[in-house]
Protein backbone atom coordinates (compact mmCIF):
# COMPACT_ATOMS: atom_id res chain seq x y z
CA MET A 1 -24.49 38.69 10.90
CA LYS A 2 -28.52 39.02 10.87
CA THR A 3 -29.86 40.91 8.06
CA TRP A 4 -32.56 43.47 7.94
CA ILE A 5 -34.45 45.80 5.38
CA PHE A 6 -35.44 49.49 6.94
CA GLN A 7 -37.84 51.32 4.62
CA GLY A 8 -38.22 54.99 3.25
CA ASN A 9 -40.61 57.18 1.37
CA GLN A 10 -39.65 59.09 -1.50
CA LYS A 11 -42.52 61.32 -0.68
CA ILE A 12 -41.41 62.33 2.93
CA PHE A 13 -37.76 62.75 2.29
CA ASP A 14 -35.64 62.52 -0.96
CA ILE A 15 -34.30 59.03 0.28
CA ASN A 16 -32.15 58.67 -3.61
CA GLU A 17 -30.18 61.32 -2.73
CA TYR A 18 -29.98 60.85 1.30
CA VAL A 19 -28.00 57.63 0.09
CA THR A 20 -26.30 57.94 -2.73
CA LYS A 21 -24.61 61.92 -1.11
CA ASN A 22 -23.87 60.20 2.49
CA GLU A 23 -21.30 57.70 3.66
CA ILE A 24 -23.22 57.23 7.30
CA VAL A 25 -27.10 57.26 7.22
CA THR A 26 -29.04 57.80 10.40
CA TRP A 27 -32.19 55.68 10.78
CA THR A 28 -35.26 55.46 12.87
CA LEU A 29 -35.05 51.77 14.45
CA LYS A 30 -39.09 51.88 16.24
CA ILE A 31 -39.46 48.07 17.70
CA LYS A 32 -38.18 47.73 21.00
CA LYS A 33 -37.45 43.74 20.35
CA PHE A 34 -35.73 44.99 17.25
CA GLN A 35 -33.17 47.72 19.57
CA GLU A 36 -32.24 44.90 21.81
CA GLU A 37 -31.50 42.47 18.85
CA ILE A 38 -29.38 44.59 16.24
CA SER A 39 -25.56 44.07 16.23
CA ILE A 40 -22.72 46.15 15.02
CA GLY A 41 -21.65 44.89 11.83
CA ASP A 42 -25.27 43.69 10.85
CA ARG A 43 -26.22 43.99 7.17
CA VAL A 44 -29.07 46.40 6.22
CA PHE A 45 -30.81 47.07 3.24
CA ILE A 46 -32.40 50.41 2.26
CA TRP A 47 -35.64 49.86 0.76
CA ARG A 48 -37.86 52.41 -1.20
CA THR A 49 -41.54 52.63 -1.13
CA GLU A 50 -43.73 52.18 -4.46
CA GLY A 51 -43.89 55.79 -6.18
CA ILE A 52 -45.85 56.75 -9.50
CA GLU A 53 -42.28 57.98 -10.90
CA TYR A 54 -39.84 55.39 -9.55
CA PRO A 55 -39.95 51.67 -8.84
CA GLY A 56 -39.93 50.38 -5.15
CA GLY A 57 -37.45 47.46 -3.91
CA ILE A 58 -33.83 47.75 -2.43
CA ILE A 59 -31.56 50.75 -3.36
CA ALA A 60 -28.59 50.42 -1.41
CA LEU A 61 -26.71 48.20 0.88
CA THR A 62 -25.64 49.22 4.40
CA GLU A 63 -24.06 48.32 7.51
CA VAL A 64 -24.81 49.02 11.08
CA LYS A 65 -22.22 51.11 12.49
CA SER A 66 -23.57 52.21 16.18
CA LYS A 67 -25.92 50.86 18.75
CA PRO A 68 -29.04 52.11 18.70
CA TYR A 69 -29.31 55.41 21.00
CA TYR A 70 -31.94 58.04 21.25
CA SER A 71 -31.84 61.66 19.14
CA GLU A 72 -33.31 65.15 20.27
CA LYS A 73 -33.76 65.68 16.77
CA GLU A 74 -35.76 63.08 15.63
CA GLU A 75 -37.46 62.11 19.41
CA ALA A 76 -36.72 58.83 18.64
CA THR A 77 -34.23 56.02 18.46
CA VAL A 78 -32.10 55.99 15.79
CA ILE A 79 -29.02 54.00 14.34
CA ASP A 80 -26.55 55.08 11.90
CA LEU A 81 -25.55 52.88 9.27
CA LYS A 82 -22.30 53.21 6.84
CA VAL A 83 -23.37 52.91 3.14
CA LYS A 84 -21.78 50.28 0.91
CA GLY A 85 -23.19 50.68 -1.91
CA SER A 86 -26.63 52.11 -3.72
CA ARG A 87 -28.61 51.47 -7.10
CA ILE A 88 -31.48 53.84 -7.16
CA SER A 89 -32.63 52.89 -10.60
CA GLN A 90 -33.50 49.79 -12.78
CA GLU A 91 -30.40 50.93 -14.91
CA GLU A 92 -28.54 50.60 -12.15
CA ASN A 93 -30.06 47.09 -11.26
CA MET A 94 -31.67 48.23 -8.44
CA LEU A 95 -33.57 45.04 -6.95
CA LEU A 96 -37.45 45.89 -8.13
CA ARG A 97 -39.97 44.52 -5.54
CA SER A 98 -41.32 43.08 -8.60
CA ASP A 99 -38.95 41.12 -9.03
CA LEU A 100 -38.23 39.67 -5.97
CA LYS A 101 -41.84 39.14 -5.52
CA LYS A 102 -41.01 36.60 -8.30
CA SER A 103 -38.46 34.76 -6.93
CA VAL A 104 -39.95 32.11 -4.59
CA LYS A 105 -36.59 32.36 -2.53
CA THR A 106 -37.34 36.23 -1.73
CA LYS A 107 -41.49 36.20 -2.00
CA PHE A 108 -42.28 35.84 1.35
CA LEU A 109 -40.55 38.94 3.00
CA SER A 110 -41.83 40.33 5.57
CA ILE A 111 -41.86 44.09 3.98
CA ILE A 112 -43.75 42.22 0.93
CA ARG A 113 -46.02 40.28 2.88
CA SER A 114 -46.78 43.45 5.39
CA PRO A 115 -45.20 46.56 3.83
CA GLN A 116 -46.55 48.72 6.30
CA GLY A 117 -43.87 49.48 8.71
CA THR A 118 -40.09 51.04 9.04
CA ASN A 119 -37.93 47.99 10.01
CA PHE A 120 -38.23 44.63 8.84
CA LYS A 121 -36.00 41.21 10.18
CA CYS A 122 -34.97 39.14 7.42
CA THR A 123 -34.57 35.05 7.76
CA ASP A 124 -30.48 33.78 8.24
CA SER A 125 -31.78 32.24 4.03
CA GLU A 126 -33.73 35.42 3.10
CA GLY A 127 -30.27 37.52 3.71
CA GLU A 128 -27.97 35.04 1.99
CA ASN A 129 -30.61 34.98 -0.69
CA LEU A 130 -30.85 38.93 -1.17
CA ILE A 131 -26.64 39.42 -1.00
CA ASP A 132 -26.41 36.73 -3.64
CA TYR A 133 -29.02 38.67 -5.74
CA TRP A 134 -27.39 42.19 -4.49
CA ASN A 135 -24.11 40.94 -5.61
CA ASN A 136 -25.28 38.88 -8.91
CA PRO A 137 -28.59 40.82 -10.09
CA LEU A 138 -29.03 38.20 -12.78
CA LEU A 139 -28.95 35.17 -10.86
CA MET A 140 -32.37 36.86 -9.41
CA LYS A 141 -33.82 36.57 -13.13
CA ASP A 142 -32.73 33.11 -13.40
CA ASP A 143 -34.19 32.18 -10.32
CA TYR A 144 -37.75 33.64 -10.95
CA GLN A 145 -37.79 32.74 -14.71
CA LYS A 146 -37.59 29.05 -13.90
CA ASP A 147 -40.82 27.02 -13.59
CA ILE A 148 -42.40 27.21 -10.12
CA ILE A 149 -42.19 24.00 -9.27
CA ASP A 150 -38.26 24.05 -10.38
CA GLN A 151 -37.98 27.13 -8.11
CA TYR A 152 -38.84 24.94 -4.87
CA LEU A 153 -36.82 21.83 -5.88
CA TYR A 154 -33.77 23.93 -6.00
CA ILE A 155 -34.74 25.60 -2.33
CA TYR A 156 -35.37 22.07 -1.27
CA LYS A 157 -31.81 20.46 -3.23
CA ASP A 158 -29.93 22.47 -0.29
CA ASN A 159 -32.28 20.50 2.53
CA VAL A 160 -33.09 17.29 1.07
CA GLU A 161 -30.37 15.85 3.65
CA GLU A 162 -31.94 17.56 6.82
CA GLN A 163 -35.72 16.55 5.71
CA LEU A 164 -34.57 13.12 5.30
CA LYS A 165 -32.63 12.52 8.49
CA LYS A 166 -36.21 13.36 10.02
CA SER A 167 -37.91 10.31 8.18
CA ASP A 168 -36.46 6.86 9.26
CA PHE A 169 -40.49 5.90 9.70
CA LEU A 170 -40.47 5.80 5.90
CA PHE A 171 -37.88 2.74 5.19
CA GLU A 172 -39.63 1.16 8.44
CA ASN A 173 -43.20 1.22 6.88
CA TYR A 174 -42.05 0.31 3.01
CA GLU A 175 -39.95 -2.38 4.24
CA PHE A 176 -43.09 -3.93 6.44
CA PHE A 177 -46.12 -3.03 3.07
CA LYS A 178 -43.77 -4.83 1.16
CA GLU A 179 -44.19 -8.17 2.88
CA PHE A 180 -47.17 -7.62 4.06
CA ARG A 181 -48.87 -6.81 0.32
CA LYS A 182 -47.28 -10.54 -0.23
CA LYS A 183 -50.52 -12.52 -1.53
CA GLU A 184 -49.48 -15.41 0.20
CA ASN A 185 -48.90 -13.20 3.62
CA LEU A 186 -52.42 -11.84 2.76
CA GLU A 187 -53.66 -15.10 2.77
CA LYS A 188 -52.20 -16.79 5.97
CA MET A 189 -52.55 -13.54 8.37
CA GLN A 190 -53.34 -13.82 11.93
CA TRP A 191 -54.66 -10.51 13.82
CA GLU A 192 -51.47 -9.87 14.74
CA ASP A 193 -50.60 -9.04 11.81
CA ILE A 194 -53.64 -6.92 11.11
CA GLN A 195 -52.70 -4.79 14.39
CA LYS A 196 -49.09 -4.37 13.00
CA VAL A 197 -50.40 -2.27 10.04
CA GLY A 198 -51.58 0.22 12.39
CA GLU A 199 -48.38 0.39 13.88
CA HIS A 200 -46.77 1.13 10.47
CA ILE A 201 -49.55 3.88 9.14
CA ASN A 202 -48.09 7.27 9.80
CA GLY A 203 -51.51 8.63 9.97
CA PHE A 204 -51.90 7.00 13.31
CA THR A 205 -48.45 7.97 14.96
CA ASN A 206 -49.81 11.04 17.01
CA ASN A 207 -53.39 9.49 17.36
CA ALA A 208 -52.89 6.63 18.90
CA LEU A 209 -56.85 6.21 19.77
CA ALA A 210 -57.83 6.19 16.34
CA ARG A 211 -55.29 3.94 15.81
CA LYS A 212 -56.85 1.28 19.00
CA ARG A 213 -60.61 2.05 17.99
CA ALA A 214 -59.09 0.38 13.98
CA PHE A 215 -56.60 -2.24 15.09
CA GLY A 216 -56.44 -2.57 18.75
CA TYR A 217 -59.18 -5.25 18.34
CA PRO A 218 -60.97 -7.22 15.93
CA ASN A 219 -64.08 -5.69 14.48
CA GLU A 220 -64.08 -8.17 12.37
CA SER A 221 -63.55 -11.59 11.69
CA ILE A 222 -60.27 -12.52 10.48
CA GLU A 223 -61.55 -13.55 7.42
CA LYS A 224 -62.47 -10.48 6.49
CA TYR A 225 -59.73 -8.59 6.98
CA LYS A 226 -57.98 -11.34 4.91
CA LYS A 227 -60.74 -10.85 2.23
CA SER A 228 -60.61 -7.56 2.00
CA PHE A 229 -56.55 -6.51 2.10
CA THR A 230 -56.38 -8.99 -0.88
CA TYR A 231 -59.39 -7.46 -2.57
CA LEU A 232 -57.54 -3.58 -2.05
CA LEU A 233 -54.13 -4.52 -3.16
CA HIS A 234 -54.89 -7.65 -5.55
CA GLY A 235 -58.13 -7.53 -7.25
CA GLU A 236 -58.87 -6.81 -10.85
CA ASP A 237 -60.65 -4.28 -10.66
CA SER A 238 -59.41 -0.75 -11.35
CA ILE A 239 -57.41 0.80 -8.42
CA GLU A 240 -60.19 3.59 -8.04
CA LYS A 241 -62.96 1.13 -8.10
CA ARG A 242 -61.04 -1.40 -5.47
CA MET A 243 -60.09 1.94 -3.06
CA ASN A 244 -64.06 3.00 -3.51
CA ASN A 245 -65.06 -0.86 -2.51
CA PHE A 246 -62.33 -1.14 0.44
CA LEU A 247 -63.63 2.64 1.89
CA TYR A 248 -67.78 2.14 1.40
CA ASN A 249 -68.75 -1.69 0.38
CA GLN A 250 -70.09 -2.98 3.14
CA GLU A 251 -68.41 -6.25 1.68
CA TYR A 252 -65.07 -4.71 2.10
CA LYS A 253 -65.01 -1.93 4.43
CA LEU A 254 -62.73 -1.94 7.92
CA PHE A 255 -63.90 0.26 10.58
CA GLY A 256 -61.47 2.90 11.58
CA ILE A 257 -59.35 2.61 7.92
CA ALA A 258 -60.50 5.84 6.21
CA ASP A 259 -59.03 8.14 3.40
CA SER A 260 -55.42 8.65 4.68
CA ALA A 261 -54.72 5.61 6.02
CA ILE A 262 -55.77 3.83 2.91
CA SER A 263 -53.94 6.04 1.16
CA GLU A 264 -50.63 5.19 3.15
CA ILE A 265 -51.12 1.45 2.26
CA VAL A 266 -51.82 1.58 -1.40
CA GLY A 267 -48.65 4.06 -1.66
CA ASN A 268 -46.24 1.99 0.38
CA CYS A 269 -47.72 -0.81 -1.55
CA TYR A 270 -47.72 -0.05 -4.95
CA PRO A 271 -44.67 3.39 -4.76
CA GLU A 272 -44.16 2.41 -8.15
CA GLU A 273 -47.40 3.31 -9.69
CA VAL A 274 -48.83 5.87 -6.96
CA CYS A 275 -48.07 8.70 -4.58
CA PHE A 276 -49.31 9.20 -0.97
CA TYR A 277 -52.34 11.53 -0.93
CA ASN A 278 -53.42 13.56 2.04
CA ILE A 279 -54.06 16.90 3.41
CA VAL A 280 -50.36 17.97 3.33
CA ASP A 281 -49.68 16.31 -0.16
CA LYS A 282 -52.61 17.82 -1.03
CA ASP A 283 -51.87 21.56 0.25
CA ALA A 284 -48.28 21.37 -1.32
CA VAL A 285 -49.59 20.38 -4.70
CA GLU A 286 -52.38 22.98 -4.86
CA VAL A 287 -52.15 25.72 -2.51
CA ILE A 288 -48.51 26.12 -2.42
CA LEU A 289 -47.35 25.16 -6.04
CA GLY A 290 -50.61 26.18 -7.67
CA LEU A 291 -51.39 22.74 -9.22
CA SER A 292 -55.24 22.00 -9.55
CA TYR A 293 -57.78 19.55 -11.49
CA GLU A 294 -61.15 19.69 -12.34
CA ARG A 295 -62.89 18.45 -9.56
CA LYS A 296 -66.76 17.61 -9.08
CA LYS A 297 -69.05 18.46 -6.01
CA GLY A 298 -69.45 15.34 -3.73
CA GLU A 299 -66.58 13.83 -5.35
CA LYS A 300 -65.42 10.62 -3.74
CA PHE A 301 -61.87 10.11 -2.28
CA PRO A 302 -60.82 7.52 -4.50
CA ARG A 303 -61.44 9.75 -7.11
CA ARG A 304 -59.31 12.51 -6.24
CA PHE A 305 -56.55 10.61 -5.20
CA ILE A 306 -56.89 8.95 -9.23
CA LYS A 307 -56.49 12.51 -10.11
CA PHE A 308 -53.86 14.19 -8.09
CA ASN A 309 -51.80 11.22 -9.55
CA ASN A 310 -52.19 11.88 -12.66
CA LEU A 311 -51.83 15.59 -12.12
CA ILE A 312 -48.03 14.10 -10.14
CA LYS A 313 -47.33 12.12 -13.73
CA GLU A 314 -48.85 15.26 -15.68
CA TYR A 315 -46.10 17.53 -14.54
CA ASN A 316 -43.81 14.87 -14.55
CA PHE A 317 -42.29 15.31 -10.73
CA VAL A 318 -40.55 12.23 -10.48
CA GLU A 319 -38.63 13.21 -13.43
CA ARG A 320 -38.03 17.06 -12.22
CA TYR A 321 -36.81 15.67 -9.03
CA GLY A 322 -34.42 13.43 -10.37
CA GLU A 323 -32.58 16.14 -12.52
CA ILE A 324 -32.49 18.60 -10.23
CA ILE A 325 -32.40 17.06 -7.00
CA GLY A 326 -31.43 13.09 -7.76
CA TRP A 327 -32.34 10.49 -5.65
CA ARG A 328 -30.69 10.44 -2.45
CA THR A 329 -32.36 7.14 -0.89
CA ASN A 330 -33.09 3.63 -2.38
CA LEU A 331 -36.88 4.21 -1.42
CA PRO A 332 -38.97 4.22 -4.54
CA HIS A 333 -39.08 7.59 -5.76
CA ASN A 334 -43.12 8.53 -4.98
CA ILE A 335 -42.37 7.97 -1.10
CA GLU A 336 -39.05 10.18 -1.09
CA LEU A 337 -40.82 12.56 -3.56
CA ASP A 338 -43.40 13.14 -0.72
CA GLN A 339 -41.01 14.52 1.55
CA PHE A 340 -40.48 17.12 -0.67
CA PHE A 341 -44.46 18.07 -0.62
CA TYR A 342 -43.81 17.99 3.99
CA PHE A 343 -40.92 20.14 3.38
CA LEU A 344 -43.36 22.67 1.40
CA VAL A 345 -46.00 22.89 3.72
CA GLU A 346 -43.60 22.82 6.60
CA ASN A 347 -42.04 25.76 5.64
CA TYR A 348 -43.85 27.34 3.74
CA GLY A 349 -47.34 26.52 4.04
CA LYS A 350 -47.29 29.34 7.23
CA PHE A 351 -47.34 32.12 4.29
CA PHE A 352 -50.61 30.68 2.54
CA LYS A 353 -52.54 30.07 5.92
CA GLU A 354 -51.94 33.98 6.65
CA THR A 355 -53.09 34.74 3.11
CA LYS A 356 -55.83 32.69 3.94
CA GLU A 357 -56.57 34.15 7.63
CA VAL A 358 -56.51 37.89 5.76
CA GLU A 359 -58.96 36.98 2.77
CA GLU A 360 -61.37 35.54 5.93
CA GLU A 361 -61.20 38.29 8.12
CA LYS A 362 -62.02 40.83 5.15
CA SER A 363 -64.38 38.57 3.82
CA GLU A 364 -66.31 38.80 6.92
CA GLU A 365 -65.52 42.26 7.85
CA ASN A 366 -67.68 42.64 4.37
CA ILE A 367 -70.38 40.87 5.71
CA VAL A 368 -70.93 42.43 8.92
CA LYS A 369 -70.86 45.49 7.13
CA GLU A 370 -73.25 44.05 4.73
CA ILE A 371 -75.49 43.54 7.52
CA THR A 372 -75.46 46.41 9.63
CA GLU A 373 -76.24 48.08 6.15
CA THR A 374 -78.98 45.90 6.35
CA GLU A 375 -79.98 46.42 9.86
CA TYR A 376 -80.01 50.08 9.26
CA GLU A 377 -81.90 50.20 6.32
CA THR A 378 -84.87 47.61 7.97
CA SER A 379 -84.85 50.10 11.11
CA LYS A 380 -84.88 53.48 8.64
CA ASN A 381 -87.80 51.94 7.18
CA GLU A 382 -89.65 50.92 10.12
CA VAL A 383 -89.62 54.36 11.49
CA ASN A 384 -90.60 55.53 8.30
CA ASN A 385 -93.55 53.52 7.90
CA SER A 386 -94.53 54.35 11.82
CA GLU A 387 -97.96 56.01 11.81
CA GLU A 388 -97.30 57.35 15.32
CA PHE A 389 -94.42 57.62 18.07
CA THR A 390 -94.45 57.52 21.88
CA ILE A 391 -92.72 58.66 24.52
CA GLU A 392 -91.70 55.26 25.09
């Protein structure tokens, strides 16, 4: 069974009376692809657009009772729906648009993100969430009153097993670095051991060229590799200072090992203390969850790495994960937590990307408008300041 949302405008016709007074209602189905996909028995929620005198949101639940057909009266393809229940006011527990926007389970509905149109298709999970909210409106309130981190954690709870099935490499990498980090192993390692490091850094998985440049052949003497890794993992300086020296100080810097790689090395070697920090982790925490720390211009990666991990501790991610989801593997907590961040970006990152692209388009439109207006004013002034004209 698929789930759909059909939208109506109270200003154009009395949608309230239509769904409350009729057992069967007819709705226009404009998109050809939807005409081919919709089936008898599908679930359709009726959505009323926002108005000055009435709130917007879902006011009825219906079921598809006919295949799409052409209506001479409407001069369009339509479909018949059986009304199974209607709630046209807040007092009757209609599902308010303003409330649906607060819950992570429904805030990304296509009708909320791009409300222009008549027919909208829901994902399977969105459909199940909507019917749960329709059957129990208090459930929606309970969901959106939770902290944003907890809302996402509860969603991940239903998906954690599937996510971890894709993460066998985490166990392999952790076991490798658990041995690699031992001081006695670092002191006696050979070039073959260095090469294996590149095989256990996930950031190099899809970039064979980068892995080859960093670990395909010795870029330094084996003694420097021993010295640099021993300092990074066992030096007496703070972890931030060690990372800084490893990345930027020629005494310790190794060719081809940059920000994300050192994040994985340190994260795998000391997962009890720190979590990985790469572009995915950054987007999950800063963009999707909306958490941020004070930034300074030109701040280097190790400083951002430390600030990110302080943020993880400040918001008690490990404790909250354990309470809501429970630990599903014998991996250190920060490594398992990292997969939650990957889940967020894989499943929700596209919505934030769309928003960013729309904002960028608007920004570009404004720039073009400003340039055009400036060019017009400049041309006008040039014309007004001309002393004489010729036919040419």
